Amino acid sequence: MPSFFTRHAEESFMPYSASHLAMIAGLVLLALLLYFFRSGIRSHTPVKAIIRYSLLLGLLIPQIVLYYWYAVQELWDVQYTLPLELCSISQLLAIIMLLTRSRLLYQIVFFAGIGGAMQAMLTPDLDYPFPHFRFFHFFIVHIAIILAPLYMTWIERFRPTWKSVWMTMIFLNILLVVVGGTNYWLDANYMFLRFKPEGASLLDWLGPYPYYLAVEEIIALILFTLMYMPFIQWRKRST
């Protein structure tokens, strides 16, 4: 299947093409099913286990195949293939969260994972179109990153707190320093800390470097606050 694993795509990925919209629709459908059937899922331990391990496989298997593809296609390059993007880091944290049911990691993955993966779903930095392996890897992993904390929220009944918002902001700023230093050392651009992606993205609306980094901080704080607001009402009802 050369068209599935080929090194160079014959065509370019087109945002909001039929295949892109199908992936967004698939995410929405899976999230709705998880939410509306949450009570039934909670009461059936085997179903809970199937969903939890399916999310783990969705996070692990595509990544293992990606690293194999990098090796076969001789694409390993420390400037581009290290797992230092926000979604790659959220992916790793989501795997550990699902395995250990860590409430600490849940706080971060809920905000940083959902926020970052949703931005990626809506404005993909992707070169390979459907039906290339990289297309499926990109969307399966990002969908799983979003669904993992939703599963922990709706099925395992974990809840973020207002403190979680600030914890996530601190975590992201620590990442900024660590990844930014790595970028300088490797002459790389992980997390787009040195310049914007070549393709269209939300960063195009945030001004030039380095101002878009400061605007991102403000947007992240606003977004995380909005994400937390539904839980304010829940906490009031539970007290």
C-alpha atoms as a PDB file:
ATOM      1  CA  MET A   1       0.000   0.000   0.000  1.00  0.00           C
ATOM      2  CA  PRO A   2       2.466   2.679  -1.152  1.00  0.00           C
ATOM      3  CA  SER A   3      -0.122   5.458  -1.058  1.00  0.00           C
ATOM      4  CA  PHE A   4      -0.798   4.730   2.625  1.00  0.00           C
ATOM      5  CA  PHE A   5       2.801   4.771   3.893  1.00  0.00           C
ATOM      6  CA  THR A   6       4.606   6.701   1.174  1.00  0.00           C
ATOM      7  CA  ARG A   7       7.156   9.280   2.270  1.00  0.00           C
ATOM      8  CA  HIS A   8       5.856  12.088   0.063  1.00  0.00           C
ATOM      9  CA  ALA A   9       2.164  12.881  -0.321  1.00  0.00           C
ATOM     10  CA  GLU A  10       0.922  13.173  -3.895  1.00  0.00           C
ATOM     11  CA  GLU A  11      -1.571  15.832  -2.804  1.00  0.00           C
ATOM     12  CA  SER A  12      -1.726  18.336   0.030  1.00  0.00           C
ATOM     13  CA  PHE A  13      -4.099  18.211   2.973  1.00  0.00           C
ATOM     14  CA  MET A  14      -7.042  20.570   2.477  1.00  0.00           C
ATOM     15  CA  PRO A  15      -8.569  22.052   5.643  1.00  0.00           C
ATOM     16  CA  TYR A  16     -12.322  21.517   5.916  1.00  0.00           C
ATOM     17  CA  SER A  17     -12.357  19.028   3.088  1.00  0.00           C
ATOM     18  CA  ALA A  18     -14.871  16.184   3.352  1.00  0.00           C
ATOM     19  CA  SER A  19     -12.329  13.954   5.119  1.00  0.00           C
ATOM     20  CA  HIS A  20     -11.426  16.688   7.626  1.00  0.00           C
ATOM     21  CA  LEU A  21     -15.079  17.392   8.406  1.00  0.00           C
ATOM     22  CA  ALA A  22     -15.679  13.646   8.807  1.00  0.00           C
ATOM     23  CA  MET A  23     -12.977  13.496  11.495  1.00  0.00           C
ATOM     24  CA  ILE A  24     -14.484  16.467  13.341  1.00  0.00           C
ATOM     25  CA  ALA A  25     -17.925  14.866  13.098  1.00  0.00           C
ATOM     26  CA  GLY A  26     -16.480  11.597  14.408  1.00  0.00           C
ATOM     27  CA  LEU A  27     -15.052  13.401  17.442  1.00  0.00           C
ATOM     28  CA  VAL A  28     -18.383  15.095  18.169  1.00  0.00           C
ATOM     29  CA  LEU A  29     -20.286  11.825  17.784  1.00  0.00           C
ATOM     30  CA  LEU A  30     -17.964   9.881  20.085  1.00  0.00           C
ATOM     31  CA  ALA A  31     -18.072  12.645  22.712  1.00  0.00           C
ATOM     32  CA  LEU A  32     -21.883  12.731  22.600  1.00  0.00           C
ATOM     33  CA  LEU A  33     -22.124   8.948  22.924  1.00  0.00           C
ATOM     34  CA  LEU A  34     -19.733   9.032  25.884  1.00  0.00           C
ATOM     35  CA  TYR A  35     -21.791  11.754  27.568  1.00  0.00           C
ATOM     36  CA  PHE A  36     -25.328  10.477  26.963  1.00  0.00           C
ATOM     37  CA  PHE A  37     -24.496   6.865  27.864  1.00  0.00           C
ATOM     38  CA  ARG A  38     -22.293   7.789  30.833  1.00  0.00           C
ATOM     39  CA  SER A  39     -24.633   6.295  33.464  1.00  0.00           C
ATOM     40  CA  GLY A  40     -24.878   2.962  31.685  1.00  0.00           C
ATOM     41  CA  ILE A  41     -21.140   2.833  31.073  1.00  0.00           C
ATOM     42  CA  ARG A  42     -20.400   3.539  34.752  1.00  0.00           C
ATOM     43  CA  SER A  43     -22.560   0.615  35.849  1.00  0.00           C
ATOM     44  CA  HIS A  44     -20.870  -1.907  33.516  1.00  0.00           C
ATOM     45  CA  THR A  45     -17.262  -2.513  34.504  1.00  0.00           C
ATOM     46  CA  PRO A  46     -16.389  -4.492  31.329  1.00  0.00           C
ATOM     47  CA  VAL A  47     -17.671  -1.650  29.128  1.00  0.00           C
ATOM     48  CA  LYS A  48     -15.663   0.872  31.143  1.00  0.00           C
ATOM     49  CA  ALA A  49     -12.560  -1.247  30.674  1.00  0.00           C
ATOM     50  CA  ILE A  50     -13.139  -1.595  26.933  1.00  0.00           C
ATOM     51  CA  ILE A  51     -13.480   2.174  26.501  1.00  0.00           C
ATOM     52  CA  ARG A  52     -10.492   2.946  28.716  1.00  0.00           C
ATOM     53  CA  TYR A  53      -8.205   0.495  26.934  1.00  0.00           C
ATOM     54  CA  SER A  54      -9.518   1.569  23.540  1.00  0.00           C
ATOM     55  CA  LEU A  55      -8.450   5.123  24.354  1.00  0.00           C
ATOM     56  CA  LEU A  56      -5.050   3.833  25.461  1.00  0.00           C
ATOM     57  CA  LEU A  57      -4.666   1.954  22.176  1.00  0.00           C
ATOM     58  CA  GLY A  58      -5.740   5.046  20.259  1.00  0.00           C
ATOM     59  CA  LEU A  59      -2.961   6.983  21.974  1.00  0.00           C
ATOM     60  CA  LEU A  60      -0.270   4.281  21.781  1.00  0.00           C
ATOM     61  CA  ILE A  61      -0.634   2.267  18.564  1.00  0.00           C
ATOM     62  CA  PRO A  62      -0.594   5.169  16.059  1.00  0.00           C
ATOM     63  CA  GLN A  63       2.465   6.618  17.801  1.00  0.00           C
ATOM     64  CA  ILE A  64       4.351   3.324  17.693  1.00  0.00           C
ATOM     65  CA  VAL A  65       3.572   3.017  13.983  1.00  0.00           C
ATOM     66  CA  LEU A  66       4.641   6.650  13.469  1.00  0.00           C
ATOM     67  CA  TYR A  67       8.084   5.999  14.964  1.00  0.00           C
ATOM     68  CA  TYR A  68       8.400   2.866  12.841  1.00  0.00           C
ATOM     69  CA  TRP A  69       7.457   4.934   9.769  1.00  0.00           C
ATOM     70  CA  TYR A  70      10.047   7.557  10.679  1.00  0.00           C
ATOM     71  CA  ALA A  71      12.688   4.827  10.860  1.00  0.00           C
ATOM     72  CA  VAL A  72      11.695   3.084   7.625  1.00  0.00           C
ATOM     73  CA  GLN A  73      11.439   6.339   5.688  1.00  0.00           C
ATOM     74  CA  GLU A  74      14.655   7.677   7.264  1.00  0.00           C
ATOM     75  CA  LEU A  75      12.814  10.724   8.572  1.00  0.00           C
ATOM     76  CA  TRP A  76      14.284  10.793  12.080  1.00  0.00           C
ATOM     77  CA  ASP A  77      15.448  14.334  12.749  1.00  0.00           C
ATOM     78  CA  VAL A  78      15.824  15.881  16.203  1.00  0.00           C
ATOM     79  CA  GLN A  79      14.588  19.200  14.797  1.00  0.00           C
ATOM     80  CA  TYR A  80      11.198  17.767  13.839  1.00  0.00           C
ATOM     81  CA  THR A  81      10.447  14.308  15.252  1.00  0.00           C
ATOM     82  CA  LEU A  82      10.988  14.567  19.017  1.00  0.00           C
ATOM     83  CA  PRO A  83       7.749  14.395  21.090  1.00  0.00           C
ATOM     84  CA  LEU A  84       8.004  18.025  22.202  1.00  0.00           C
ATOM     85  CA  GLU A  85       4.818  19.485  20.753  1.00  0.00           C
ATOM     86  CA  LEU A  86       2.085  20.336  23.259  1.00  0.00           C
ATOM     87  CA  CYS A  87      -0.179  17.594  21.932  1.00  0.00           C
ATOM     88  CA  SER A  88       2.655  15.039  22.034  1.00  0.00           C
ATOM     89  CA  ILE A  89       3.284  15.907  25.679  1.00  0.00           C
ATOM     90  CA  SER A  90      -0.465  15.842  26.424  1.00  0.00           C
ATOM     91  CA  GLN A  91      -0.614  12.459  24.695  1.00  0.00           C
ATOM     92  CA  LEU A  92       2.049  11.028  27.005  1.00  0.00           C
ATOM     93  CA  LEU A  93       0.365  12.507  30.085  1.00  0.00           C
ATOM     94  CA  ALA A  94      -3.010  11.127  28.947  1.00  0.00           C
ATOM     95  CA  ILE A  95      -1.527   7.633  28.633  1.00  0.00           C
ATOM     96  CA  ILE A  96      -0.113   7.797  32.167  1.00  0.00           C
ATOM     97  CA  MET A  97      -3.390   9.308  33.434  1.00  0.00           C
ATOM     98  CA  LEU A  98      -5.458   6.451  32.001  1.00  0.00           C
ATOM     99  CA  LEU A  99      -3.064   3.810  33.319  1.00  0.00           C
ATOM    100  CA  THR A 100      -2.753   5.234  36.834  1.00  0.00           C
ATOM    101  CA  ARG A 101      -6.009   7.211  37.137  1.00  0.00           C
ATOM    102  CA  SER A 102      -3.873  10.117  38.347  1.00  0.00           C
ATOM    103  CA  ARG A 103      -5.978  13.038  39.514  1.00  0.00           C
ATOM    104  CA  LEU A 104      -2.968  15.348  39.264  1.00  0.00           C
ATOM    105  CA  LEU A 105      -2.386  14.567  35.582  1.00  0.00           C
ATOM    106  CA  TYR A 106      -6.115  14.780  34.927  1.00  0.00           C
ATOM    107  CA  GLN A 107      -6.083  18.457  35.966  1.00  0.00           C
ATOM    108  CA  ILE A 108      -3.467  19.240  33.309  1.00  0.00           C
ATOM    109  CA  VAL A 109      -4.726  16.965  30.536  1.00  0.00           C
ATOM    110  CA  PHE A 110      -8.268  18.274  30.900  1.00  0.00           C
ATOM    111  CA  PHE A 111      -7.255  21.842  30.098  1.00  0.00           C
ATOM    112  CA  ALA A 112      -4.005  21.604  28.126  1.00  0.00           C
ATOM    113  CA  GLY A 113      -4.943  18.390  26.332  1.00  0.00           C
ATOM    114  CA  ILE A 114      -8.444  19.367  25.275  1.00  0.00           C
ATOM    115  CA  GLY A 115      -7.475  22.969  24.507  1.00  0.00           C
ATOM    116  CA  GLY A 116      -4.442  22.069  22.419  1.00  0.00           C
ATOM    117  CA  ALA A 117      -5.989  19.086  20.637  1.00  0.00           C
ATOM    118  CA  MET A 118      -9.150  21.022  19.744  1.00  0.00           C
ATOM    119  CA  GLN A 119      -7.026  23.754  18.157  1.00  0.00           C
ATOM    120  CA  ALA A 120      -5.182  21.043  16.212  1.00  0.00           C
ATOM    121  CA  MET A 121      -8.446  19.438  15.090  1.00  0.00           C
ATOM    122  CA  LEU A 122      -9.812  22.746  13.823  1.00  0.00           C
ATOM    123  CA  THR A 123      -6.598  24.022  12.192  1.00  0.00           C
ATOM    124  CA  PRO A 124      -4.404  20.957  11.496  1.00  0.00           C
ATOM    125  CA  ASP A 125      -0.711  21.476  10.823  1.00  0.00           C
ATOM    126  CA  LEU A 126      -0.745  18.487   8.480  1.00  0.00           C
ATOM    127  CA  ASP A 127       0.776  17.809   5.070  1.00  0.00           C
ATOM    128  CA  TYR A 128      -0.698  14.395   4.328  1.00  0.00           C
ATOM    129  CA  PRO A 129      -4.324  14.059   3.154  1.00  0.00           C
ATOM    130  CA  PHE A 130      -6.750  11.139   3.414  1.00  0.00           C
ATOM    131  CA  PRO A 131      -6.069   8.201   3.090  1.00  0.00           C
ATOM    132  CA  HIS A 132      -2.398   8.502   4.126  1.00  0.00           C
ATOM    133  CA  PHE A 133      -1.259   6.937   7.405  1.00  0.00           C
ATOM    134  CA  ARG A 134      -0.229  10.354   8.772  1.00  0.00           C
ATOM    135  CA  PHE A 135      -3.788  11.615   8.264  1.00  0.00           C
ATOM    136  CA  PHE A 136      -5.198   8.792  10.375  1.00  0.00           C
ATOM    137  CA  HIS A 137      -2.413   9.076  12.955  1.00  0.00           C
ATOM    138  CA  PHE A 138      -3.020  12.812  13.388  1.00  0.00           C
ATOM    139  CA  PHE A 139      -6.764  12.612  13.891  1.00  0.00           C
ATOM    140  CA  ILE A 140      -6.944   9.362  15.882  1.00  0.00           C
ATOM    141  CA  VAL A 141      -4.371  10.620  18.393  1.00  0.00           C
ATOM    142  CA  HIS A 142      -5.942  14.069  18.774  1.00  0.00           C
ATOM    143  CA  ILE A 143      -9.426  12.608  19.153  1.00  0.00           C
ATOM    144  CA  ALA A 144      -8.110  10.238  21.842  1.00  0.00           C
ATOM    145  CA  ILE A 145      -6.368  13.128  23.656  1.00  0.00           C
ATOM    146  CA  ILE A 146      -9.727  14.929  23.875  1.00  0.00           C
ATOM    147  CA  LEU A 147     -11.798  11.887  24.788  1.00  0.00           C
ATOM    148  CA  ALA A 148      -9.412  10.647  27.511  1.00  0.00           C
ATOM    149  CA  PRO A 149     -10.086  13.485  30.016  1.00  0.00           C
ATOM    150  CA  LEU A 150     -13.771  13.494  29.019  1.00  0.00           C
ATOM    151  CA  TYR A 151     -13.892   9.797  29.914  1.00  0.00           C
ATOM    152  CA  MET A 152     -12.274  10.537  33.281  1.00  0.00           C
ATOM    153  CA  THR A 153     -14.793  13.356  33.838  1.00  0.00           C
ATOM    154  CA  TRP A 154     -18.023  11.669  32.775  1.00  0.00           C
ATOM    155  CA  ILE A 155     -17.289   8.025  33.594  1.00  0.00           C
ATOM    156  CA  GLU A 156     -14.718   8.072  36.405  1.00  0.00           C
ATOM    157  CA  ARG A 157     -16.274  11.266  37.866  1.00  0.00           C
ATOM    158  CA  PHE A 158     -13.043  13.218  38.149  1.00  0.00           C
ATOM    159  CA  ARG A 159     -13.519  16.986  38.333  1.00  0.00           C
ATOM    160  CA  PRO A 160     -11.185  19.925  37.651  1.00  0.00           C
ATOM    161  CA  THR A 161     -10.925  22.763  40.149  1.00  0.00           C
ATOM    162  CA  TRP A 162     -10.217  26.464  39.832  1.00  0.00           C
ATOM    163  CA  LYS A 163      -6.764  25.644  41.148  1.00  0.00           C
ATOM    164  CA  SER A 164      -6.360  23.353  38.137  1.00  0.00           C
ATOM    165  CA  VAL A 165      -6.528  26.331  35.777  1.00  0.00           C
ATOM    166  CA  TRP A 166      -3.542  27.985  37.419  1.00  0.00           C
ATOM    167  CA  MET A 167      -1.705  24.692  37.763  1.00  0.00           C
ATOM    168  CA  THR A 168      -2.059  24.175  34.015  1.00  0.00           C
ATOM    169  CA  MET A 169      -0.868  27.717  33.286  1.00  0.00           C
ATOM    170  CA  ILE A 170       2.217  27.140  35.436  1.00  0.00           C
ATOM    171  CA  PHE A 171       2.820  23.814  33.709  1.00  0.00           C
ATOM    172  CA  LEU A 172       2.585  25.443  30.262  1.00  0.00           C
ATOM    173  CA  ASN A 173       5.039  28.164  31.236  1.00  0.00           C
ATOM    174  CA  ILE A 174       7.504  25.575  32.523  1.00  0.00           C
ATOM    175  CA  LEU A 175       7.120  23.822  29.158  1.00  0.00           C
ATOM    176  CA  LEU A 176       7.750  27.140  27.417  1.00  0.00           C
ATOM    177  CA  VAL A 177      11.106  27.449  29.159  1.00  0.00           C
ATOM    178  CA  VAL A 178      12.129  23.805  28.687  1.00  0.00           C
ATOM    179  CA  VAL A 179      10.975  23.458  25.074  1.00  0.00           C
ATOM    180  CA  GLY A 180      12.153  26.965  24.235  1.00  0.00           C
ATOM    181  CA  GLY A 181      15.619  26.107  25.503  1.00  0.00           C
ATOM    182  CA  THR A 182      15.577  22.873  23.502  1.00  0.00           C
ATOM    183  CA  ASN A 183      14.549  24.801  20.395  1.00  0.00           C
ATOM    184  CA  TYR A 184      17.494  27.135  20.833  1.00  0.00           C
ATOM    185  CA  TRP A 185      19.878  24.212  21.339  1.00  0.00           C
ATOM    186  CA  LEU A 186      18.590  22.208  18.341  1.00  0.00           C
ATOM    187  CA  ASP A 187      17.629  25.148  16.103  1.00  0.00           C
ATOM    188  CA  ALA A 188      14.104  23.700  16.128  1.00  0.00           C
ATOM    189  CA  ASN A 189      10.590  25.156  16.443  1.00  0.00           C
ATOM    190  CA  TYR A 190       8.659  22.821  18.731  1.00  0.00           C
ATOM    191  CA  MET A 191       5.367  24.287  20.000  1.00  0.00           C
ATOM    192  CA  PHE A 192       5.917  27.075  17.410  1.00  0.00           C
ATOM    193  CA  LEU A 193       7.870  29.049  19.999  1.00  0.00           C
ATOM    194  CA  ARG A 194      10.226  30.579  17.426  1.00  0.00           C
ATOM    195  CA  PHE A 195       7.927  31.169  14.458  1.00  0.00           C
ATOM    196  CA  LYS A 196       4.452  30.278  13.207  1.00  0.00           C
ATOM    197  CA  PRO A 197       3.608  27.121  11.227  1.00  0.00           C
ATOM    198  CA  GLU A 198       3.686  27.417   7.460  1.00  0.00           C
ATOM    199  CA  GLY A 199       0.072  26.321   7.105  1.00  0.00           C
ATOM    200  CA  ALA A 200      -2.955  28.308   8.217  1.00  0.00           C
ATOM    201  CA  SER A 201      -3.532  28.312  11.967  1.00  0.00           C
ATOM    202  CA  LEU A 202      -5.086  30.387  14.719  1.00  0.00           C
ATOM    203  CA  LEU A 203      -1.641  31.916  15.297  1.00  0.00           C
ATOM    204  CA  ASP A 204      -2.079  33.907  12.087  1.00  0.00           C
ATOM    205  CA  TRP A 205      -4.555  36.108  13.968  1.00  0.00           C
ATOM    206  CA  LEU A 206      -2.338  36.748  16.984  1.00  0.00           C
ATOM    207  CA  GLY A 207       0.282  39.094  15.608  1.00  0.00           C
ATOM    208  CA  PRO A 208       3.990  38.678  14.821  1.00  0.00           C
ATOM    209  CA  TYR A 209       6.674  36.986  16.904  1.00  0.00           C
ATOM    210  CA  PRO A 210       7.092  37.283  19.856  1.00  0.00           C
ATOM    211  CA  TYR A 211       3.775  38.998  20.555  1.00  0.00           C
ATOM    212  CA  TYR A 212       1.674  35.994  19.576  1.00  0.00           C
ATOM    213  CA  LEU A 213       3.232  34.068  22.486  1.00  0.00           C
ATOM    214  CA  ALA A 214       1.895  36.596  24.999  1.00  0.00           C
ATOM    215  CA  VAL A 215      -1.509  36.613  23.286  1.00  0.00           C
ATOM    216  CA  GLU A 216      -1.548  32.806  23.476  1.00  0.00           C
ATOM    217  CA  GLU A 217      -1.106  33.040  27.247  1.00  0.00           C
ATOM    218  CA  ILE A 218      -4.130  35.330  27.547  1.00  0.00           C
ATOM    219  CA  ILE A 219      -6.233  33.165  25.236  1.00  0.00           C
ATOM    220  CA  ALA A 220      -5.252  30.020  27.148  1.00  0.00           C
ATOM    221  CA  LEU A 221      -6.288  31.566  30.472  1.00  0.00           C
ATOM    222  CA  ILE A 222      -9.629  32.716  29.016  1.00  0.00           C
ATOM    223  CA  LEU A 223     -10.244  29.333  27.380  1.00  0.00           C
ATOM    224  CA  PHE A 224      -9.414  27.369  30.526  1.00  0.00           C
ATOM    225  CA  THR A 225     -11.672  29.642  32.580  1.00  0.00           C
ATOM    226  CA  LEU A 226     -14.555  29.054  30.155  1.00  0.00           C
ATOM    227  CA  MET A 227     -13.902  25.308  30.270  1.00  0.00           C
ATOM    228  CA  TYR A 228     -14.092  25.397  34.058  1.00  0.00           C
ATOM    229  CA  MET A 229     -17.311  27.442  34.292  1.00  0.00           C
ATOM    230  CA  PRO A 230     -19.723  24.466  33.903  1.00  0.00           C
ATOM    231  CA  PHE A 231     -18.103  22.892  36.962  1.00  0.00           C
ATOM    232  CA  ILE A 232     -18.853  25.971  39.075  1.00  0.00           C
ATOM    233  CA  GLN A 233     -22.580  25.223  38.815  1.00  0.00           C
ATOM    234  CA  TRP A 234     -21.939  21.543  39.479  1.00  0.00           C
ATOM    235  CA  ARG A 235     -20.043  22.363  42.664  1.00  0.00           C
ATOM    236  CA  LYS A 236     -22.836  24.678  43.833  1.00  0.00           C
ATOM    237  CA  ARG A 237     -25.405  21.892  43.343  1.00  0.00           C
ATOM    238  CA  SER A 238     -23.233  19.346  45.137  1.00  0.00           C
ATOM    239  CA  THR A 239     -22.786  21.502  48.259  1.00  0.00           C
END
